[in-house]
């Protein structure tokens, strides 16, 4: 469903309450997976490799979503597994309102959280580590977060309470950034904080809003600092307000984040779960044009907003007010490649060395083999992007409307094949093929051209080092006593050199486990 909607990443919650949707020696199996905490799946299998593989097979990134500090959703500790950290180390936790939370001020808590996350990074083929908006708890009337002892014992800089709490969170974010990069340099680290950092009335750098729970002051989450320090690779502010909401106008917040992203990726978090809602202060969510309007506002910042994330995936699947249809049929008709992160990797893989075009009346089959030599950074191609152009079209990989397919090989270094069943008989085409690495750096294109007038099977091979302006397809089948080069086609004459360019990302929201959900998400039978 996500792939059909034109999305290219999925965020899956795998650690909701200090438990696991995967096989872990550090925390128990999640009750949200099997119905009882600590109970393994009936077949004994680990579901996480399967979920990752299904996402990758569909050309989607897989971001593992962790809740760092939440330990329970209630205070009924008798249902906890014996291996749950709250049973093993009760001194790490604080009871607040109707749940237990880790105490962020304890070094041993930070060490445990980091160990859990790095265990997943090292053992699984994930593309990203993701946090949502839960750091210190949202304040509740009459409730006190009793971290006085840690504040007295773990505060060598004699900071005030608010600054000390922010420092605790900052330390975890900084440590994770360094540790994730050291373990696997291609794994991204991103956070989806509450949408308002600070109101301007309380801080001169804040947004012109009247939000009730700004993250800097209330959750002790200094998301702007994380961006400025380069500790996160992307941010997904939760802008779960409509374009008509006066206290926190959507357009105001997009503008604020665009000006404060500090060179990191900005994906806007959309509250798709709110579609059909209506409150006295905000009736816009009953308008089917609300979400498309938000996306068009995002696109008015082409250099600063790299895409969108939708919460939740369940809402996306339910297609409220036909919003998912709007994405698929209108806003996301063209595929989108994930934008590059040059601070992680800026080197493209080596181009494909040879591509063969076999054309009959009804289908054009393209086959190619990857270059077995890695790039200077050791990367091979992770997938390929095939573009198709007709006569008179500007031939550049920068235009995603010409993407015919994104092809992931069955195995690293294996040949790949794509059958173009939409090619019209009698039409001349230019096919461009680029190799793309794990972090979406795109090689220069290899070009192959078809002749529209030939009614018989033709095989054309494009050598790697032929200059673009001199390219001539060579007929190598059907056999002939003296194969000869055909003159350049009209399409070839129009071809210009083109460099790979990044395009906007359209990302996928966090998801929660329920029966049949992943089958619906990945379109499994």
Protein backbone atom coordinates (compact mmCIF):
# COMPACT_ATOMS: atom_id res chain seq x y z
CA UNK A 1 0.00 0.00 0.00
CA UNK A 2 2.79 2.42 0.84
CA UNK A 3 4.61 1.62 -2.37
CA UNK A 4 1.45 2.07 -4.42
CA UNK A 5 0.91 5.46 -2.77
CA UNK A 6 4.33 6.56 -4.03
CA UNK A 7 6.12 6.43 -0.69
CA UNK A 8 9.70 5.31 -0.29
CA UNK A 9 10.31 4.72 3.42
CA UNK A 10 8.54 3.11 6.35
CA UNK A 11 8.98 3.82 10.06
CA UNK A 12 8.17 0.76 12.18
CA UNK A 13 8.01 0.89 15.96
CA UNK A 14 10.09 -2.00 17.25
CA UNK A 15 10.57 -0.95 20.90
CA UNK A 16 7.39 0.58 22.32
CA UNK A 17 7.83 0.05 26.10
CA UNK A 18 11.35 -1.27 26.68
CA UNK A 19 10.37 -4.48 24.89
CA UNK A 20 11.18 -5.84 21.46
CA UNK A 21 9.59 -6.73 18.13
CA UNK A 22 12.77 -8.71 17.45
CA UNK A 23 14.93 -11.35 19.13
CA UNK A 24 16.83 -9.60 21.90
CA UNK A 25 19.09 -10.66 24.74
CA UNK A 26 18.58 -7.28 26.41
CA UNK A 27 14.79 -6.85 26.56
CA UNK A 28 11.76 -9.17 26.38
CA UNK A 29 9.50 -9.89 23.42
CA UNK A 30 6.76 -7.27 23.15
CA UNK A 31 3.21 -8.06 24.20
CA UNK A 32 2.08 -5.98 21.23
CA UNK A 33 3.60 -8.66 19.02
CA UNK A 34 2.56 -11.89 20.75
CA UNK A 35 -0.10 -10.87 23.30
CA UNK A 36 2.07 -11.47 26.38
CA UNK A 37 5.33 -9.79 27.22
CA UNK A 38 8.24 -12.20 27.07
CA UNK A 39 6.40 -14.72 24.91
CA UNK A 40 8.22 -15.53 21.68
CA UNK A 41 6.38 -15.82 18.36
CA UNK A 42 4.77 -19.23 17.89
CA UNK A 43 7.04 -20.23 15.04
CA UNK A 44 10.13 -19.09 16.91
CA UNK A 45 11.16 -16.82 14.06
CA UNK A 46 12.44 -13.28 14.36
CA UNK A 47 10.02 -11.08 12.36
CA UNK A 48 12.34 -8.09 11.98
CA UNK A 49 14.53 -9.46 9.13
CA UNK A 50 11.36 -10.32 7.21
CA UNK A 51 9.92 -6.81 7.63
CA UNK A 52 13.19 -5.21 6.56
CA UNK A 53 13.48 -7.48 3.52
CA UNK A 54 9.89 -6.78 2.44
CA UNK A 55 10.47 -3.03 2.68
CA UNK A 56 13.70 -3.25 0.69
CA UNK A 57 12.10 -5.48 -1.93
CA UNK A 58 9.63 -2.66 -2.58
CA UNK A 59 12.34 -0.01 -2.80
CA UNK A 60 11.51 1.42 0.63
CA UNK A 61 13.89 2.38 3.41
CA UNK A 62 13.28 0.76 6.80
CA UNK A 63 13.65 3.04 9.82
CA UNK A 64 13.57 1.29 13.20
CA UNK A 65 11.48 3.39 15.58
CA UNK A 66 12.47 3.25 19.27
CA UNK A 67 10.83 4.89 22.26
CA UNK A 68 13.89 5.64 24.39
CA UNK A 69 12.44 6.40 27.82
CA UNK A 70 9.01 4.80 28.10
CA UNK A 71 8.96 1.59 30.15
CA UNK A 72 5.24 0.87 30.56
CA UNK A 73 1.86 2.16 29.45
CA UNK A 74 0.37 1.65 32.92
CA UNK A 75 1.42 0.86 36.48
CA UNK A 76 0.45 -2.84 36.47
CA UNK A 77 3.93 -4.24 36.87
CA UNK A 78 2.75 -7.79 37.54
CA UNK A 79 2.27 -8.27 33.79
CA UNK A 80 5.92 -7.47 33.06
CA UNK A 81 8.22 -10.27 31.98
CA UNK A 82 10.93 -11.27 34.48
CA UNK A 83 13.55 -10.01 32.01
CA UNK A 84 12.02 -6.55 31.68
CA UNK A 85 14.47 -3.84 32.83
CA UNK A 86 11.94 -2.50 35.35
CA UNK A 87 12.10 -5.84 37.17
CA UNK A 88 15.87 -6.12 36.81
CA UNK A 89 16.74 -2.52 37.76
CA UNK A 90 13.80 -0.77 39.47
CA UNK A 91 16.15 2.02 40.59
CA UNK A 92 16.39 3.20 36.97
CA UNK A 93 12.73 4.17 36.78
CA UNK A 94 10.34 6.86 37.95
CA UNK A 95 6.60 6.45 38.30
CA UNK A 96 4.88 9.41 36.69
CA UNK A 97 1.12 9.76 36.27
CA UNK A 98 -0.03 6.33 35.10
CA UNK A 99 3.20 4.84 33.78
CA UNK A 100 6.85 4.12 34.49
CA UNK A 101 9.61 5.99 32.70
CA UNK A 102 13.36 5.66 32.60
CA UNK A 103 15.20 8.36 34.53
CA UNK A 104 17.17 10.23 31.83
CA UNK A 105 19.52 11.67 34.46
CA UNK A 106 21.20 8.34 35.21
CA UNK A 107 24.34 7.40 33.23
CA UNK A 108 23.46 3.70 33.49
CA UNK A 109 20.10 4.42 31.83
CA UNK A 110 21.78 6.16 28.92
CA UNK A 111 24.22 3.26 28.62
CA UNK A 112 21.39 0.71 28.50
CA UNK A 113 19.40 2.64 25.88
CA UNK A 114 22.49 3.02 23.73
CA UNK A 115 23.31 -0.68 24.08
CA UNK A 116 19.79 -1.68 23.00
CA UNK A 117 19.83 0.55 19.92
CA UNK A 118 23.35 -0.38 18.83
CA UNK A 119 22.44 -4.06 19.15
CA UNK A 120 19.79 -3.52 16.47
CA UNK A 121 22.07 -1.37 14.32
CA UNK A 122 24.77 -4.03 14.29
CA UNK A 123 22.58 -7.11 13.81
CA UNK A 124 19.92 -5.91 11.37
CA UNK A 125 19.99 -4.30 7.94
CA UNK A 126 18.07 -1.17 8.95
CA UNK A 127 18.40 2.15 7.15
CA UNK A 128 17.69 4.45 10.07
CA UNK A 129 17.17 4.84 13.81
CA UNK A 130 14.11 6.92 14.67
CA UNK A 131 12.77 8.58 17.84
CA UNK A 132 9.39 10.28 18.18
CA UNK A 133 8.40 13.13 20.54
CA UNK A 134 8.62 11.32 23.90
CA UNK A 135 11.58 12.47 26.00
CA UNK A 136 10.79 13.81 29.45
CA UNK A 137 7.03 13.29 29.91
CA UNK A 138 4.39 15.75 28.81
CA UNK A 139 3.49 17.68 31.99
CA UNK A 140 0.27 16.66 33.70
CA UNK A 141 -1.56 18.76 36.28
CA UNK A 142 -0.64 17.82 39.83
CA UNK A 143 2.13 15.41 38.79
CA UNK A 144 5.82 15.73 39.66
CA UNK A 145 8.68 13.89 37.98
CA UNK A 146 10.76 12.91 41.00
CA UNK A 147 14.33 12.99 39.76
CA UNK A 148 15.63 15.03 42.71
CA UNK A 149 18.22 12.46 43.76
CA UNK A 150 19.75 12.17 40.30
CA UNK A 151 19.72 15.97 40.01
CA UNK A 152 21.72 16.23 43.23
CA UNK A 153 24.17 13.44 42.42
CA UNK A 154 24.62 13.70 38.63
CA UNK A 155 25.01 17.45 38.13
CA UNK A 156 28.73 18.32 38.18
CA UNK A 157 28.15 21.58 36.29
CA UNK A 158 25.61 22.84 38.85
CA UNK A 159 23.02 23.52 36.18
CA UNK A 160 19.47 24.55 36.89
CA UNK A 161 16.91 21.75 36.75
CA UNK A 162 15.61 22.61 33.27
CA UNK A 163 19.10 22.96 31.76
CA UNK A 164 20.24 19.77 33.49
CA UNK A 165 17.33 17.80 32.05
CA UNK A 166 18.04 19.15 28.57
CA UNK A 167 21.69 18.21 28.99
CA UNK A 168 20.69 14.63 29.85
CA UNK A 169 18.72 14.29 26.63
CA UNK A 170 21.40 16.08 24.61
CA UNK A 171 24.05 13.70 25.92
CA UNK A 172 22.05 10.68 24.77
CA UNK A 173 21.43 12.17 21.32
CA UNK A 174 25.09 13.12 20.88
CA UNK A 175 26.35 9.71 22.05
CA UNK A 176 23.95 7.87 19.75
CA UNK A 177 24.97 9.99 16.77
CA UNK A 178 28.62 9.10 17.27
CA UNK A 179 27.98 5.43 18.06
CA UNK A 180 25.61 4.75 15.17
CA UNK A 181 28.01 6.34 12.72
CA UNK A 182 30.91 4.31 14.07
CA UNK A 183 28.94 1.06 13.79
CA UNK A 184 27.47 1.62 10.31
CA UNK A 185 28.14 4.89 8.57
CA UNK A 186 25.10 4.52 6.29
CA UNK A 187 22.51 4.24 9.07
CA UNK A 188 20.65 7.52 9.52
CA UNK A 189 19.52 8.98 12.83
CA UNK A 190 16.38 11.10 12.92
CA UNK A 191 13.85 12.44 15.39
CA UNK A 192 10.20 13.50 15.17
CA UNK A 193 9.74 16.07 17.97
CA UNK A 194 6.69 18.02 19.01
CA UNK A 195 6.13 20.57 16.26
CA UNK A 196 6.87 23.76 18.22
CA UNK A 197 10.34 24.31 19.63
CA UNK A 198 9.41 27.50 21.53
CA UNK A 199 6.78 30.22 21.21
CA UNK A 200 8.14 33.65 20.34
CA UNK A 201 6.43 35.06 23.44
CA UNK A 202 8.82 32.97 25.59
CA UNK A 203 11.95 33.01 23.40
CA UNK A 204 12.99 35.55 20.74
CA UNK A 205 14.00 32.76 18.35
CA UNK A 206 10.72 30.91 18.71
CA UNK A 207 7.83 30.70 16.27
CA UNK A 208 4.89 33.09 16.16
CA UNK A 209 2.60 30.55 17.79
CA UNK A 210 0.75 29.85 21.03
CA UNK A 211 1.47 26.16 21.51
CA UNK A 212 0.77 24.68 24.92
CA UNK A 213 3.68 22.21 25.16
CA UNK A 214 6.77 23.56 23.38
CA UNK A 215 9.42 20.87 23.34
CA UNK A 216 12.36 22.95 24.59
CA UNK A 217 10.63 24.13 27.76
CA UNK A 218 8.20 21.32 28.54
CA UNK A 219 9.83 18.13 27.23
CA UNK A 220 13.44 19.30 27.63
CA UNK A 221 14.08 18.39 24.01
CA UNK A 222 16.29 21.00 22.32
CA UNK A 223 15.66 19.86 18.76
CA UNK A 224 17.12 23.03 17.26
CA UNK A 225 20.43 22.36 19.02
CA UNK A 226 20.54 18.81 17.64
CA UNK A 227 20.25 20.22 14.13
CA UNK A 228 22.84 22.92 14.69
CA UNK A 229 25.32 20.45 16.15
CA UNK A 230 24.75 17.94 13.34
CA UNK A 231 23.74 15.22 15.81
CA UNK A 232 20.78 14.11 13.72
CA UNK A 233 20.50 13.53 9.98
CA UNK A 234 16.86 14.48 9.60
CA UNK A 235 14.06 16.00 11.62
CA UNK A 236 10.33 15.32 11.29
CA UNK A 237 8.52 18.02 13.30
CA UNK A 238 5.02 16.86 14.13
CA UNK A 239 2.95 19.59 12.49
CA UNK A 240 -0.34 17.95 13.37
CA UNK A 241 -2.30 21.19 13.02
CA UNK A 242 -4.37 22.26 10.05
CA UNK A 243 -3.78 25.23 7.79
CA UNK A 244 -6.72 26.95 9.51
CA UNK A 245 -5.67 26.46 13.13
CA UNK A 246 -4.98 29.95 14.50
CA UNK A 247 -2.91 29.10 17.57
CA UNK A 248 -0.31 27.15 15.59
CA UNK A 249 -0.75 27.90 11.87
CA UNK A 250 0.65 25.16 9.66
CA UNK A 251 2.32 27.52 7.17
CA UNK A 252 3.97 29.46 9.99
CA UNK A 253 5.56 26.31 11.33
CA UNK A 254 6.79 25.08 7.94
CA UNK A 255 8.50 28.43 7.46
CA UNK A 256 10.08 28.33 10.93
CA UNK A 257 11.52 24.86 10.45
CA UNK A 258 12.72 25.68 6.93
CA UNK A 259 14.75 28.52 8.43
CA UNK A 260 16.12 26.41 11.28
CA UNK A 261 16.99 23.06 9.70
CA UNK A 262 20.72 23.92 9.71
CA UNK A 263 21.49 22.01 6.52
CA UNK A 264 19.94 18.74 7.66
CA UNK A 265 16.94 17.09 6.00
CA UNK A 266 13.53 18.44 6.94
CA UNK A 267 10.57 16.13 6.46
CA UNK A 268 7.24 17.51 7.62
CA UNK A 269 5.19 15.24 9.87
CA UNK A 270 1.51 15.24 8.80
CA UNK A 271 -1.33 14.27 11.13
CA UNK A 272 -3.14 12.02 8.69
CA UNK A 273 -4.86 10.31 11.63
CA UNK A 274 -6.81 13.55 12.16
CA UNK A 275 -8.59 13.40 8.82
CA UNK A 276 -12.37 13.50 9.42
CA UNK A 277 -11.87 15.12 12.85
CA UNK A 278 -13.70 18.33 13.66
CA UNK A 279 -13.34 20.50 16.74
CA UNK A 280 -14.68 23.92 17.58
CA UNK A 281 -11.26 25.47 16.99
CA UNK A 282 -10.30 23.40 13.94
CA UNK A 283 -12.80 22.13 11.39
CA UNK A 284 -10.39 21.93 8.44
CA UNK A 285 -9.66 18.21 8.88
CA UNK A 286 -13.04 17.36 7.39
CA UNK A 287 -11.97 18.99 4.13
CA UNK A 288 -10.45 16.45 1.70
CA UNK A 289 -8.24 19.23 0.32
CA UNK A 290 -6.52 19.86 3.67
CA UNK A 291 -3.63 17.42 3.30
CA UNK A 292 -2.98 18.24 -0.38
CA UNK A 293 -2.89 21.92 0.63
CA UNK A 294 -0.26 21.14 3.24
CA UNK A 295 1.88 19.30 0.71
CA UNK A 296 1.70 22.23 -1.70
CA UNK A 297 2.84 24.55 1.10
CA UNK A 298 5.81 22.22 1.66
CA UNK A 299 6.64 22.38 -2.03
CA UNK A 300 6.82 26.15 -1.89
CA UNK A 301 10.11 25.53 -0.03
CA UNK A 302 11.86 23.37 -2.65
CA UNK A 303 15.33 23.91 -1.19
CA UNK A 304 14.40 23.31 2.43
CA UNK A 305 11.57 20.78 2.73
CA UNK A 306 12.77 17.40 1.50
CA UNK A 307 9.52 15.50 1.99
CA UNK A 308 6.68 14.32 4.20
CA UNK A 309 6.02 11.65 6.83
CA UNK A 310 2.47 10.49 7.51
CA UNK A 311 1.18 9.38 10.89
CA UNK A 312 -0.14 6.87 11.01
CA UNK A 313 0.29 4.08 8.49
CA UNK A 314 -3.08 2.73 9.60
CA UNK A 315 -4.66 6.01 8.50
CA UNK A 316 -2.86 5.80 5.19
CA UNK A 317 -4.24 2.31 4.62
CA UNK A 318 -7.78 3.40 5.54
CA UNK A 319 -7.69 6.16 2.89
CA UNK A 320 -9.63 8.82 4.86
CA UNK A 321 -11.56 11.21 2.60
CA UNK A 322 -9.74 9.49 -0.30
CA UNK A 323 -6.55 11.27 0.74
CA UNK A 324 -4.37 8.26 -0.08
CA UNK A 325 -5.93 8.22 -3.53
CA UNK A 326 -4.96 11.88 -3.93
CA UNK A 327 -1.36 11.01 -3.18
CA UNK A 328 -1.27 8.09 -5.58
CA UNK A 329 -3.16 9.68 -8.48
CA UNK A 330 -2.06 13.29 -8.25
CA UNK A 331 0.62 14.50 -5.87
CA UNK A 332 2.84 11.42 -5.98
CA UNK A 333 2.31 10.18 -9.51
CA UNK A 334 6.03 10.28 -10.26
CA UNK A 335 8.44 8.16 -8.22
CA UNK A 336 10.74 9.96 -5.82
CA UNK A 337 14.28 8.95 -4.96
CA UNK A 338 15.44 9.53 -1.41
CA UNK A 339 17.64 12.66 -1.29
CA UNK A 340 21.32 12.24 -0.58
CA UNK A 341 23.04 13.09 2.69
CA UNK A 342 26.48 14.31 1.63
CA UNK A 343 27.66 14.60 5.23
CA UNK A 344 27.32 10.78 5.43
CA UNK A 345 28.39 9.87 1.89
CA UNK A 346 28.87 11.97 -1.23
CA UNK A 347 30.54 9.44 -3.53
CA UNK A 348 28.43 7.71 -6.18
CA UNK A 349 28.96 4.07 -7.14
CA UNK A 350 30.63 3.20 -10.42
CA UNK A 351 28.30 3.32 -13.44
CA UNK A 352 26.92 0.20 -15.07
CA UNK A 353 29.40 -1.03 -17.67
CA UNK A 354 27.03 -2.58 -20.18
CA UNK A 355 23.30 -2.72 -20.82
CA UNK A 356 21.58 -4.79 -23.50
CA UNK A 357 18.25 -3.90 -25.09
CA UNK A 358 16.22 -6.68 -26.67
CA UNK A 359 13.14 -5.24 -28.39
CA UNK A 360 10.20 -7.05 -29.96
CA UNK A 361 6.84 -5.69 -31.04
CA UNK A 362 5.30 -5.92 -27.55
CA UNK A 363 8.11 -5.61 -25.06
CA UNK A 364 11.57 -4.11 -24.62
CA UNK A 365 13.76 -6.12 -22.27
CA UNK A 366 16.82 -4.47 -20.74
CA UNK A 367 19.52 -6.53 -19.08
CA UNK A 368 22.63 -5.28 -17.37
CA UNK A 369 25.39 -6.43 -15.07
CA UNK A 370 26.77 -4.30 -12.24
CA UNK A 371 30.33 -3.11 -12.16
CA UNK A 372 32.07 -5.55 -9.81
CA UNK A 373 34.59 -2.91 -8.75
CA UNK A 374 33.41 -0.85 -5.75
CA UNK A 375 33.72 2.90 -5.55
CA UNK A 376 36.57 4.45 -3.60
CA UNK A 377 34.49 4.26 -0.41
CA UNK A 378 33.86 0.55 -0.91
CA UNK A 379 30.23 0.91 -2.03
CA UNK A 380 28.62 -1.15 -4.76
CA UNK A 381 25.27 -0.34 -6.32
CA UNK A 382 22.33 -1.06 -4.00
CA UNK A 383 19.74 -0.51 -6.72
CA UNK A 384 19.27 0.93 -10.20
CA UNK A 385 17.05 3.63 -11.66
CA UNK A 386 15.84 3.24 -15.23
CA UNK A 387 14.67 6.35 -17.09
CA UNK A 388 12.88 6.45 -20.45
CA UNK A 389 12.68 9.41 -22.82
CA UNK A 390 10.95 10.03 -26.13
CA UNK A 391 11.93 12.26 -29.01
CA UNK A 392 11.84 15.94 -28.11
CA UNK A 393 12.03 15.40 -24.35
CA UNK A 394 14.86 16.89 -22.32
CA UNK A 395 16.91 13.89 -21.33
CA UNK A 396 18.03 14.35 -17.74
CA UNK A 397 17.87 12.08 -14.70
CA UNK A 398 16.92 15.18 -12.73
CA UNK A 399 13.28 14.80 -13.82
CA UNK A 400 11.55 11.99 -11.87
CA UNK A 401 8.61 11.98 -14.29
CA UNK A 402 10.79 9.95 -16.63
CA UNK A 403 11.61 7.22 -14.09
CA UNK A 404 10.38 3.99 -15.61
CA UNK A 405 11.44 1.68 -12.78
CA UNK A 406 13.54 1.37 -9.65
CA UNK A 407 15.15 -2.07 -9.79
CA UNK A 408 16.80 -3.84 -6.88
CA UNK A 409 18.90 -6.86 -7.94
CA UNK A 410 18.14 -10.25 -6.42
CA UNK A 411 21.62 -10.40 -4.98
CA UNK A 412 24.66 -8.18 -4.63
CA UNK A 413 26.62 -8.26 -7.87
CA UNK A 414 23.91 -10.19 -9.71
CA UNK A 415 22.67 -9.22 -13.22
CA UNK A 416 19.34 -7.43 -13.36
CA UNK A 417 16.56 -7.40 -15.95
CA UNK A 418 13.57 -5.18 -16.59
CA UNK A 419 10.83 -5.73 -19.17
CA UNK A 420 9.28 -2.52 -20.50
CA UNK A 421 5.79 -3.62 -21.49
CA UNK A 422 4.57 -0.05 -22.04
CA UNK A 423 6.87 0.76 -24.96
CA UNK A 424 4.80 1.65 -28.02
CA UNK A 425 5.67 -0.10 -31.30
CA UNK A 426 7.22 2.28 -33.79
CA UNK A 427 8.36 4.77 -31.13
CA UNK A 428 12.03 5.55 -30.60
CA UNK A 429 13.16 5.67 -26.97
CA UNK A 430 16.26 6.57 -25.03
CA UNK A 431 16.87 4.55 -21.87
CA UNK A 432 19.14 5.89 -19.15
CA UNK A 433 20.33 3.60 -16.37
CA UNK A 434 21.99 4.85 -13.19
CA UNK A 435 23.54 2.91 -10.32
CA UNK A 436 22.63 4.11 -6.83
CA UNK A 437 24.33 3.26 -3.55
CA UNK A 438 22.88 2.68 -0.10
CA UNK A 439 22.78 6.41 0.66
CA UNK A 440 21.23 7.22 -2.73
CA UNK A 441 24.20 8.74 -4.51
CA UNK A 442 23.48 8.26 -8.22
CA UNK A 443 26.09 7.47 -10.86
CA UNK A 444 26.23 9.11 -14.29
CA UNK A 445 23.80 7.39 -16.65
CA UNK A 446 24.54 4.65 -19.12
CA UNK A 447 22.49 5.25 -22.29
CA UNK A 448 20.88 2.85 -24.73
CA UNK A 449 18.67 3.85 -27.66
CA UNK A 450 16.00 2.02 -29.61
CA UNK A 451 15.08 2.65 -33.23
CA UNK A 452 11.38 3.13 -33.68
CA UNK A 453 11.18 1.89 -37.28
CA UNK A 454 12.60 -1.59 -36.74
CA UNK A 455 9.82 -4.19 -36.52
CA UNK A 456 12.14 -7.05 -35.59
CA UNK A 457 14.09 -7.98 -32.51
CA UNK A 458 17.07 -5.69 -31.96
CA UNK A 459 19.78 -5.98 -29.37
CA UNK A 460 21.76 -2.85 -28.58
CA UNK A 461 24.73 -2.63 -26.26
CA UNK A 462 26.00 0.59 -24.72
CA UNK A 463 29.68 0.56 -23.73
CA UNK A 464 30.63 2.37 -20.55
CA UNK A 465 33.20 4.82 -21.84
CA UNK A 466 31.52 6.08 -25.03
CA UNK A 467 31.08 9.88 -24.88
CA UNK A 468 27.45 10.93 -24.71
CA UNK A 469 27.53 13.09 -27.81
CA UNK A 470 29.18 10.31 -29.86
CA UNK A 471 26.99 7.41 -28.75
CA UNK A 472 25.75 5.12 -31.48
CA UNK A 473 23.86 1.92 -30.67
CA UNK A 474 25.42 -1.13 -32.24
CA UNK A 475 23.21 -3.82 -33.77
CA UNK A 476 24.49 -7.21 -32.65
CA UNK A 477 21.41 -9.36 -33.36
CA UNK A 478 19.99 -10.69 -35.64
CA UNK A 479 23.36 -12.06 -36.81
CA UNK A 480 24.78 -10.57 -39.97
CA UNK A 481 27.96 -11.28 -41.90
CA UNK A 482 29.22 -7.77 -41.28
CA UNK A 483 27.53 -6.04 -38.34
CA UNK A 484 27.69 -2.31 -38.78
CA UNK A 485 27.00 0.69 -36.63
CA UNK A 486 23.64 2.31 -37.30
CA UNK A 487 23.58 6.07 -37.65
CA UNK A 488 22.57 8.04 -34.56
CA UNK A 489 18.84 8.14 -33.98
CA UNK A 490 17.00 11.47 -33.70
CA UNK A 491 16.75 10.82 -29.99
CA UNK A 492 20.49 10.35 -29.66
CA UNK A 493 21.13 13.60 -31.47
CA UNK A 494 19.08 15.45 -28.87
CA UNK A 495 20.82 13.90 -25.91
CA UNK A 496 22.71 16.21 -23.52
CA UNK A 497 25.04 15.30 -20.75
CA UNK A 498 23.10 14.95 -17.51
CA UNK A 499 24.24 14.47 -13.99
CA UNK A 500 22.32 12.59 -11.38
CA UNK A 501 20.30 14.90 -9.17
CA UNK A 502 18.49 14.36 -5.93
CA UNK A 503 14.72 14.63 -5.71
CA UNK A 504 12.25 14.96 -2.93
CA UNK A 505 11.56 12.18 -0.48
CA UNK A 506 8.07 11.03 0.30
CA UNK A 507 8.31 9.12 3.50
CA UNK A 508 6.26 6.67 5.42
CA UNK A 509 4.79 7.05 8.89
CA UNK A 510 5.38 5.13 12.06
CA UNK A 511 3.20 2.05 12.45
CA UNK A 512 1.71 0.04 15.28
CA UNK A 513 1.32 -3.72 15.23
CA UNK A 514 -2.07 -5.35 14.84
CA UNK A 515 -3.37 -8.48 13.18
CA UNK A 516 -2.99 -8.33 9.42
CA UNK A 517 -1.39 -4.90 9.47
CA UNK A 518 1.94 -5.72 7.84
CA UNK A 519 0.22 -7.86 5.26
CA UNK A 520 -1.84 -4.81 4.31
CA UNK A 521 1.14 -2.48 4.46
CA UNK A 522 3.32 -4.58 2.18
CA UNK A 523 0.48 -5.97 0.07
CA UNK A 524 1.18 -9.55 1.11
CA UNK A 525 -1.29 -12.27 0.25
